[in-house]
C-alpha atoms as a PDB file:
ATOM      1  CA  UNK A   1      17.604  -1.763  -2.620  1.00  0.00           C
ATOM      2  CA  UNK A   2      17.795  -0.343   0.769  1.00  0.00           C
ATOM      3  CA  UNK A   3      19.375   3.057   1.801  1.00  0.00           C
ATOM      4  CA  UNK A   4      21.294   3.904   5.034  1.00  0.00           C
ATOM      5  CA  UNK A   5      19.359   3.296   8.062  1.00  0.00           C
ATOM      6  CA  UNK A   6      16.072   1.642   9.190  1.00  0.00           C
ATOM      7  CA  UNK A   7      14.225   5.017   9.309  1.00  0.00           C
ATOM      8  CA  UNK A   8      15.491   6.147   6.103  1.00  0.00           C
ATOM      9  CA  UNK A   9      14.250   3.762   3.304  1.00  0.00           C
ATOM     10  CA  UNK A  10      14.233   3.227  -0.607  1.00  0.00           C
ATOM     11  CA  UNK A  11      12.647   0.411  -2.408  1.00  0.00           C
ATOM     12  CA  UNK A  12      11.476  -0.464  -5.701  1.00  0.00           C
ATOM     13  CA  UNK A  13       8.068  -1.612  -6.484  1.00  0.00           C
ATOM     14  CA  UNK A  14       7.792  -2.617 -10.541  1.00  0.00           C
ATOM     15  CA  UNK A  15       9.342   1.035 -11.497  1.00  0.00           C
ATOM     16  CA  UNK A  16       7.945   2.950  -8.702  1.00  0.00           C
ATOM     17  CA  UNK A  17      10.260   4.056  -6.107  1.00  0.00           C
ATOM     18  CA  UNK A  18       9.243   4.437  -2.480  1.00  0.00           C
ATOM     19  CA  UNK A  19      10.807   6.321   0.060  1.00  0.00           C
ATOM     20  CA  UNK A  20      10.387   7.328   3.764  1.00  0.00           C
ATOM     21  CA  UNK A  21      12.046   9.615   5.923  1.00  0.00           C
ATOM     22  CA  UNK A  22      11.950  10.345   9.693  1.00  0.00           C
ATOM     23  CA  UNK A  23      13.130  13.661  10.336  1.00  0.00           C
ATOM     24  CA  UNK A  24      13.457  16.738  12.911  1.00  0.00           C
ATOM     25  CA  UNK A  25      12.337  20.446  11.855  1.00  0.00           C
ATOM     26  CA  UNK A  26      15.924  21.051  10.745  1.00  0.00           C
ATOM     27  CA  UNK A  27      15.830  18.443   8.241  1.00  0.00           C
ATOM     28  CA  UNK A  28      12.613  18.311   6.845  1.00  0.00           C
ATOM     29  CA  UNK A  29      13.641  20.404   3.708  1.00  0.00           C
ATOM     30  CA  UNK A  30      16.277  18.038   3.285  1.00  0.00           C
ATOM     31  CA  UNK A  31      14.042  14.929   3.055  1.00  0.00           C
ATOM     32  CA  UNK A  32      11.645  16.725   0.614  1.00  0.00           C
ATOM     33  CA  UNK A  33      14.191  17.533  -1.599  1.00  0.00           C
ATOM     34  CA  UNK A  34      15.625  13.981  -1.486  1.00  0.00           C
ATOM     35  CA  UNK A  35      12.249  12.760  -2.320  1.00  0.00           C
ATOM     36  CA  UNK A  36      11.051  14.730  -4.946  1.00  0.00           C
ATOM     37  CA  UNK A  37      14.707  14.229  -6.573  1.00  0.00           C
ATOM     38  CA  UNK A  38      14.832  10.931  -6.416  1.00  0.00           C
ATOM     39  CA  UNK A  39      10.865   9.602  -7.358  1.00  0.00           C
ATOM     40  CA  UNK A  40      10.110  13.285  -9.366  1.00  0.00           C
ATOM     41  CA  UNK A  41       6.558  12.819  -7.025  1.00  0.00           C
ATOM     42  CA  UNK A  42       5.369  15.558  -4.778  1.00  0.00           C
ATOM     43  CA  UNK A  43       5.982  13.771  -1.146  1.00  0.00           C
ATOM     44  CA  UNK A  44       3.485  14.034   1.819  1.00  0.00           C
ATOM     45  CA  UNK A  45       4.430  15.467   4.904  1.00  0.00           C
ATOM     46  CA  UNK A  46       3.040  13.971   7.797  1.00  0.00           C
ATOM     47  CA  UNK A  47       3.516  14.696  11.612  1.00  0.00           C
ATOM     48  CA  UNK A  48       5.061  12.001  13.584  1.00  0.00           C
ATOM     49  CA  UNK A  49       3.279  10.691  16.647  1.00  0.00           C
ATOM     50  CA  UNK A  50       5.739   8.708  18.323  1.00  0.00           C
ATOM     51  CA  UNK A  51       8.953   8.910  19.885  1.00  0.00           C
ATOM     52  CA  UNK A  52      11.290   8.614  17.509  1.00  0.00           C
ATOM     53  CA  UNK A  53      14.789  10.280  16.528  1.00  0.00           C
ATOM     54  CA  UNK A  54      15.682  12.041  13.584  1.00  0.00           C
ATOM     55  CA  UNK A  55      17.435   9.832  10.321  1.00  0.00           C
ATOM     56  CA  UNK A  56      20.016  12.727   9.838  1.00  0.00           C
ATOM     57  CA  UNK A  57      20.698  13.781  13.651  1.00  0.00           C
ATOM     58  CA  UNK A  58      20.242  12.908  17.091  1.00  0.00           C
ATOM     59  CA  UNK A  59      17.515  15.367  17.954  1.00  0.00           C
ATOM     60  CA  UNK A  60      13.701  14.228  18.181  1.00  0.00           C
ATOM     61  CA  UNK A  61      11.970  13.647  15.091  1.00  0.00           C
ATOM     62  CA  UNK A  62       8.512  15.483  14.317  1.00  0.00           C
ATOM     63  CA  UNK A  63       8.075  14.698  10.469  1.00  0.00           C
ATOM     64  CA  UNK A  64       7.235  12.041   8.405  1.00  0.00           C
ATOM     65  CA  UNK A  65       8.122  12.604   4.447  1.00  0.00           C
ATOM     66  CA  UNK A  66       7.220   9.746   2.188  1.00  0.00           C
ATOM     67  CA  UNK A  67       5.808   9.532  -1.165  1.00  0.00           C
ATOM     68  CA  UNK A  68       3.738   6.298  -0.123  1.00  0.00           C
END
């Protein structure tokens, strides 16, 4: 099962859900909340090292929020 955009992914591996958001500083809180609410796990917050656009708006993305 895939959700919304290519930069925002949700898929199943057995019983475990994996999520990944590419977000700007304005949407990092939203992405953290979504991963915790969906997976019930603490996500990783990593700096983004490439030029990407936020999955929630058109600003420059700065972080990867994921439970992978």
